[in-house]
Structure formats: C-alpha cells, structure tokens
C-alpha cells in the first residue's frame, strides 16, 4: 500500500517529476533522459498501469483520494496529496483532472522486432505536434493498426499532451523509432511491407482503387501537418495514395486523414 504524504511546499524535491509541465522544450528533453512520463487523469493513470508501466509517484488533490483509492492501495510508490493551488504552482497549469502520476518508461523495441509480428503499420515523418500524435495513436488503436514507426524528429508519444489526447491509446499500440531516415524505410520494405504514401497530390491513386485492405502487409506513411511527406520520403514509397475530396477541399488535418486511411487499410480485418 502506498503512503499518503501531504506536501505544502512547492519547492519540495519530492515533486521534481511534476515541475514545469507546461515547458514543452524542457519536458521534451528531460522526460526521456530521466526515463519518465506523466499520466494525467483517472482513466489515463489506470490505463498506464494496466499496460504495465511502473508508477514512480502520484500527485493528487484530497478530493480525488477516494476515487483513486484502489490504485493508491495497490501502488508501490508514494502518493503526494496537495492543495490544488500548490499543484498549479508546481506544474504551471490548473490540474482540473485532479490526478497526475509519474510513470517509468519502458525500453523501446526495435523496428525489426515490431515488423516481425505486424501486418498493418503506421509510419510517421516529422509529425511534431503532440495533439496530432495523440489523435493518430488513438485512431491506430481503435481501427486495428498493429504498430507505429516514427522518424527521428517526430514528437514524443508519451509527452503529457499526446497521452491525454489519445486517452491512453499510446499504451495500446507498440511503437519504435527509425533512427535512419528515410533509409530506414528500406528495412520496412525488406520485411515484406508495401509502402503507401498518403498525399493529396493529384498524381496519387485513390485509396479505394489501391484497395490496401487486400494487401498482405501495408505500411501507411503520414507526413506533418501542412508540409506533408518530404520528397525524399515520397521517393522511397511504392505507391502514392490519396483520400478523394469533395466541395473544393484539398486535404484533411493529418489526424482526420489518418483515421480515414486506417479504416481503408484495415477494413474487413477481425477486431483484436
């Protein structure tokens, strides 16, 4: 059973994991280096634990103690109870969901390990918006994609905003980084995957015509909001594909486009 520890000093070193949560640049460097990430809200904290992430500590206001009682009773880590105003001073924002947990990261698998067991893979290039990362992971989990591969400059899926937007779905879909980009796409092709590059370019074929759901192994490539896939990445793909548009709309937000494309890629597959 975890100890309930009341803290009233925002400079208490035991709160170090939670300091400056709104400083994106600081947290982006610090969290991977220190091997932690922050889970926010009851559902996300529960899903992180269910996915096997070890808890380092929990920070919550007194009114959330009863709600989180079962987690507290099972947690092997300290639980810090603080006033909401103090939580805001420490984290930099109003913690309206009431509960935060600092979780220990797991070692990332290699791309080769993920590709061995997967048939439907997402490949992201330069998607550095945490909201888009979270939305894409949520759709990937919901629509049955097997794994996610990230270029070196993609945002961290375990950053607090990504985890929150995904509602914890980042814990459900395994992911790895392709350290060599775009050369690493060759490894994906060698594993038997057809590389489909999603682009609004008029030269691209309609997803319906390509029928990716009938292919044995598919890697769907997605680019950053606005700029899309780079010319180097497009050149490494096997086929350019697009989502047909109406009413003069030229493209969708990458999160929305991903959901549509994932359905096209996984249609007819039995749910996991």
Protein backbone atom coordinates (compact mmCIF):
# COMPACT_ATOMS: atom_id res chain seq x y z
CA UNK A 1 0.00 0.00 0.00
CA UNK A 2 1.31 3.46 -0.91
CA UNK A 3 1.93 6.09 1.72
CA UNK A 4 -0.30 9.19 1.59
CA UNK A 5 2.05 12.14 2.04
CA UNK A 6 0.71 15.67 2.41
CA UNK A 7 3.03 18.32 0.95
CA UNK A 8 2.59 22.07 1.34
CA UNK A 9 5.90 23.33 -0.08
CA UNK A 10 6.02 23.77 -3.90
CA UNK A 11 9.81 23.51 -3.76
CA UNK A 12 9.77 20.11 -2.08
CA UNK A 13 12.27 18.00 -4.07
CA UNK A 14 9.87 15.05 -3.98
CA UNK A 15 7.72 16.94 -6.51
CA UNK A 16 10.58 17.19 -9.00
CA UNK A 17 8.91 14.94 -11.59
CA UNK A 18 5.95 17.34 -11.83
CA UNK A 19 7.71 20.71 -12.12
CA UNK A 20 7.18 22.88 -15.17
CA UNK A 21 4.83 20.60 -17.08
CA UNK A 22 3.89 23.42 -19.47
CA UNK A 23 7.51 24.00 -20.54
CA UNK A 24 7.42 21.86 -23.69
CA UNK A 25 11.10 22.18 -24.61
CA UNK A 26 12.24 21.37 -21.07
CA UNK A 27 9.93 18.38 -20.68
CA UNK A 28 10.74 17.05 -24.15
CA UNK A 29 14.42 16.86 -23.22
CA UNK A 30 14.03 15.92 -19.59
CA UNK A 31 11.43 13.17 -19.58
CA UNK A 32 13.16 10.70 -21.94
CA UNK A 33 16.51 11.45 -20.29
CA UNK A 34 15.10 10.70 -16.84
CA UNK A 35 13.06 7.74 -18.06
CA UNK A 36 9.65 9.06 -17.02
CA UNK A 37 6.40 10.36 -18.43
CA UNK A 38 3.32 11.97 -16.90
CA UNK A 39 -0.13 10.37 -16.99
CA UNK A 40 -2.98 12.81 -16.37
CA UNK A 41 -6.49 11.94 -15.25
CA UNK A 42 -8.04 8.86 -13.71
CA UNK A 43 -8.60 6.91 -16.95
CA UNK A 44 -5.12 7.55 -18.30
CA UNK A 45 -3.44 6.67 -14.99
CA UNK A 46 -5.39 3.42 -14.88
CA UNK A 47 -4.56 2.55 -18.49
CA UNK A 48 -0.87 3.24 -17.94
CA UNK A 49 -0.87 0.81 -15.01
CA UNK A 50 -2.84 -1.80 -16.95
CA UNK A 51 -0.28 -1.52 -19.77
CA UNK A 52 2.46 -2.47 -17.35
CA UNK A 53 4.13 0.88 -16.74
CA UNK A 54 5.57 1.14 -13.22
CA UNK A 55 4.48 4.10 -11.12
CA UNK A 56 7.17 6.38 -9.66
CA UNK A 57 4.72 8.53 -7.68
CA UNK A 58 1.27 10.09 -7.82
CA UNK A 59 0.19 13.69 -7.23
CA UNK A 60 -3.44 14.44 -6.45
CA UNK A 61 -5.74 16.75 -4.57
CA UNK A 62 -7.57 15.49 -1.49
CA UNK A 63 -10.95 15.16 -3.21
CA UNK A 64 -9.50 12.55 -5.57
CA UNK A 65 -8.23 10.23 -2.85
CA UNK A 66 -11.47 8.23 -2.63
CA UNK A 67 -11.80 7.96 -6.42
CA UNK A 68 -8.25 6.68 -6.77
CA UNK A 69 -8.36 4.55 -3.61
CA UNK A 70 -7.92 1.19 -5.38
CA UNK A 71 -4.88 2.48 -7.27
CA UNK A 72 -3.45 4.01 -4.11
CA UNK A 73 -3.89 0.75 -2.23
CA UNK A 74 -2.01 -1.18 -4.92
CA UNK A 75 0.64 1.41 -5.73
CA UNK A 76 4.18 0.61 -4.57
CA UNK A 77 5.07 4.29 -4.96
CA UNK A 78 4.44 7.36 -2.77
CA UNK A 79 1.23 9.36 -3.24
CA UNK A 80 1.56 13.10 -2.69
CA UNK A 81 -1.59 14.94 -1.64
CA UNK A 82 -1.50 18.67 -2.32
CA UNK A 83 -3.79 21.67 -2.43
CA UNK A 84 -4.98 22.48 -6.00
CA UNK A 85 -3.30 25.91 -5.82
CA UNK A 86 0.00 24.30 -4.92
CA UNK A 87 -0.38 21.77 -7.75
CA UNK A 88 -0.84 24.68 -10.15
CA UNK A 89 2.30 26.40 -8.85
CA UNK A 90 4.35 23.24 -9.30
CA UNK A 91 3.05 22.12 -12.69
CA UNK A 92 2.35 25.52 -14.27
CA UNK A 93 -1.33 24.91 -15.01
CA UNK A 94 -4.64 24.13 -13.32
CA UNK A 95 -4.79 20.36 -12.86
CA UNK A 96 -8.53 20.12 -13.44
CA UNK A 97 -8.50 16.34 -13.84
CA UNK A 98 -7.32 16.05 -10.26
CA UNK A 99 -4.69 13.35 -10.52
CA UNK A 100 -1.25 13.04 -12.06
CA UNK A 101 1.12 10.10 -11.98
CA UNK A 102 4.78 9.93 -12.86
CA UNK A 103 5.36 6.64 -14.68
CA UNK A 104 8.55 4.83 -15.60
CA UNK A 105 9.21 4.44 -19.32
CA UNK A 106 9.92 1.05 -20.84
CA UNK A 107 12.80 0.40 -23.26
CA UNK A 108 11.60 0.92 -26.83
CA UNK A 109 11.57 -2.16 -29.07
CA UNK A 110 13.44 -2.04 -32.35
CA UNK A 111 11.61 -1.59 -35.62
CA UNK A 112 12.74 -5.07 -36.67
CA UNK A 113 11.02 -6.65 -33.66
CA UNK A 114 7.73 -4.83 -34.33
CA UNK A 115 7.75 -5.62 -38.04
CA UNK A 116 8.08 -9.33 -37.40
CA UNK A 117 4.59 -9.66 -35.92
CA UNK A 118 2.78 -6.78 -37.66
CA UNK A 119 0.72 -6.62 -40.85
CA UNK A 120 -0.62 -3.06 -40.68
CA UNK A 121 1.91 -0.37 -39.72
CA UNK A 122 1.78 3.43 -39.44
CA UNK A 123 4.94 5.32 -40.43
CA UNK A 124 5.10 8.97 -39.40
CA UNK A 125 7.54 11.55 -40.70
CA UNK A 126 8.15 14.81 -38.81
CA UNK A 127 4.79 14.79 -37.04
CA UNK A 128 5.88 17.06 -34.21
CA UNK A 129 2.54 18.30 -32.93
CA UNK A 130 1.66 16.42 -29.74
CA UNK A 131 -2.08 16.73 -30.34
CA UNK A 132 -1.75 15.12 -33.77
CA UNK A 133 0.46 12.36 -32.38
CA UNK A 134 -2.15 11.57 -29.73
CA UNK A 135 -5.03 11.64 -32.21
CA UNK A 136 -3.21 9.35 -34.64
CA UNK A 137 -2.38 6.82 -31.91
CA UNK A 138 -5.99 6.82 -30.74
CA UNK A 139 -7.23 6.08 -34.27
CA UNK A 140 -4.50 3.49 -34.80
CA UNK A 141 -5.60 1.64 -31.68
CA UNK A 142 -9.31 1.92 -32.42
CA UNK A 143 -9.04 0.83 -36.06
CA UNK A 144 -6.66 -2.08 -35.61
CA UNK A 145 -3.26 -0.87 -36.77
CA UNK A 146 -0.56 -3.14 -35.37
CA UNK A 147 2.39 -0.80 -34.78
CA UNK A 148 3.74 2.72 -35.29
CA UNK A 149 7.16 3.71 -36.61
CA UNK A 150 8.42 7.24 -36.08
CA UNK A 151 11.07 9.26 -37.89
CA UNK A 152 13.73 10.69 -35.54
CA UNK A 153 12.11 14.15 -35.45
CA UNK A 154 8.57 13.05 -34.57
CA UNK A 155 7.16 14.22 -31.24
CA UNK A 156 7.24 12.01 -28.16
CA UNK A 157 4.11 9.82 -27.93
CA UNK A 158 4.49 9.74 -24.14
CA UNK A 159 4.52 13.52 -23.73
CA UNK A 160 1.62 14.51 -21.45
CA UNK A 161 -0.44 16.18 -24.20
CA UNK A 162 -0.07 13.21 -26.56
CA UNK A 163 -1.08 10.74 -23.85
CA UNK A 164 -4.05 12.88 -22.84
CA UNK A 165 -5.38 13.36 -26.39
CA UNK A 166 -5.00 9.65 -27.11
CA UNK A 167 -6.90 8.81 -23.91
CA UNK A 168 -4.12 6.35 -23.13
CA UNK A 169 -4.21 4.66 -26.55
CA UNK A 170 -0.46 5.30 -26.85
CA UNK A 171 -0.12 2.42 -24.39
CA UNK A 172 -2.06 0.05 -26.65
CA UNK A 173 -0.08 0.30 -29.90
CA UNK A 174 3.63 -0.60 -29.82
CA UNK A 175 5.97 1.89 -31.44
CA UNK A 176 9.62 2.28 -32.36
CA UNK A 177 11.85 4.89 -33.96
CA UNK A 178 13.53 4.53 -37.32
CA UNK A 179 16.93 6.01 -36.50
CA UNK A 180 17.97 6.27 -40.15
CA UNK A 181 15.59 8.41 -42.20
CA UNK A 182 14.43 7.86 -44.83
CA UNK A 183 16.90 4.98 -45.31
CA UNK A 184 15.09 3.04 -42.58
CA UNK A 185 12.11 2.65 -44.90
CA UNK A 186 14.18 0.07 -46.73
CA UNK A 187 14.01 -2.10 -43.63
CA UNK A 188 10.22 -1.87 -43.71
CA UNK A 189 10.09 -2.92 -47.36
CA UNK A 190 12.52 -5.79 -46.77
CA UNK A 191 10.14 -7.07 -44.08
CA UNK A 192 7.53 -7.55 -46.80
CA UNK A 193 5.53 -4.33 -46.48
CA UNK A 194 4.10 -2.27 -49.32
CA UNK A 195 4.86 1.39 -48.58
CA UNK A 196 1.81 3.59 -49.25
CA UNK A 197 2.48 7.34 -49.02
CA UNK A 198 -0.62 9.35 -48.11
CA UNK A 199 -0.59 12.64 -50.02
CA UNK A 200 -3.19 15.00 -51.55
CA UNK A 201 -1.08 15.19 -54.75
CA UNK A 202 -3.20 14.77 -57.88
CA UNK A 203 -0.80 12.09 -59.14
CA UNK A 204 -1.72 9.86 -56.21
CA UNK A 205 -4.15 6.98 -56.67
CA UNK A 206 -7.41 6.81 -54.76
CA UNK A 207 -7.26 4.60 -51.68
CA UNK A 208 -10.34 2.78 -52.94
CA UNK A 209 -8.62 1.91 -56.21
CA UNK A 210 -5.46 0.69 -54.49
CA UNK A 211 -7.51 -1.48 -52.09
CA UNK A 212 -4.93 -1.69 -49.30
CA UNK A 213 -7.19 -3.92 -47.20
CA UNK A 214 -6.48 -6.72 -49.68
CA UNK A 215 -2.70 -6.40 -49.40
CA UNK A 216 -0.78 -8.79 -47.18
CA UNK A 217 1.37 -6.23 -45.38
CA UNK A 218 0.90 -2.46 -45.55
CA UNK A 219 2.92 0.43 -44.15
CA UNK A 220 0.94 3.68 -44.38
CA UNK A 221 3.18 6.76 -44.44
CA UNK A 222 1.93 10.05 -42.94
CA UNK A 223 3.63 13.45 -43.01
CA UNK A 224 3.45 16.52 -40.84
CA UNK A 225 0.52 18.91 -40.84
CA UNK A 226 0.84 21.34 -43.73
CA UNK A 227 4.10 20.19 -45.31
CA UNK A 228 3.15 16.52 -45.65
CA UNK A 229 5.66 13.86 -46.56
CA UNK A 230 9.04 15.09 -47.77
CA UNK A 231 10.17 14.47 -51.35
CA UNK A 232 12.78 12.03 -50.02
CA UNK A 233 10.16 10.00 -48.19
CA UNK A 234 7.77 10.06 -51.15
CA UNK A 235 10.56 8.77 -53.37
CA UNK A 236 11.06 5.79 -51.05
CA UNK A 237 7.40 4.74 -51.21
CA UNK A 238 5.89 2.14 -53.51
CA UNK A 239 2.63 3.94 -54.25
CA UNK A 240 1.21 7.39 -53.59
CA UNK A 241 -2.37 7.25 -52.30
CA UNK A 242 -4.95 9.92 -51.56
CA UNK A 243 -8.37 10.34 -49.99
CA UNK A 244 -10.83 11.65 -52.61
CA UNK A 245 -12.15 15.10 -51.67
CA UNK A 246 -15.35 17.00 -52.44
CA UNK A 247 -16.54 20.63 -52.44
CA UNK A 248 -13.10 22.03 -53.28
CA UNK A 249 -11.49 20.80 -50.05
CA UNK A 250 -7.87 19.95 -50.84
CA UNK A 251 -6.90 17.98 -47.72
CA UNK A 252 -7.76 16.97 -44.16
CA UNK A 253 -5.99 17.53 -40.89
CA UNK A 254 -3.42 14.74 -40.56
CA UNK A 255 -5.28 13.28 -37.57
CA UNK A 256 -8.56 13.09 -39.50
CA UNK A 257 -6.84 11.82 -42.65
CA UNK A 258 -5.12 9.10 -40.63
CA UNK A 259 -8.43 7.80 -39.27
CA UNK A 260 -9.97 7.60 -42.75
CA UNK A 261 -6.88 5.89 -44.17
CA UNK A 262 -6.60 3.44 -41.28
CA UNK A 263 -10.15 2.28 -41.95
CA UNK A 264 -9.33 1.76 -45.61
CA UNK A 265 -6.22 -0.22 -44.69
CA UNK A 266 -7.86 -2.43 -42.06
CA UNK A 267 -11.37 -2.91 -43.48
CA UNK A 268 -12.51 -6.47 -43.15
CA UNK A 269 -9.90 -7.46 -40.59
CA UNK A 270 -11.29 -9.06 -37.43
CA UNK A 271 -11.04 -6.79 -34.37
CA UNK A 272 -8.20 -7.54 -31.96
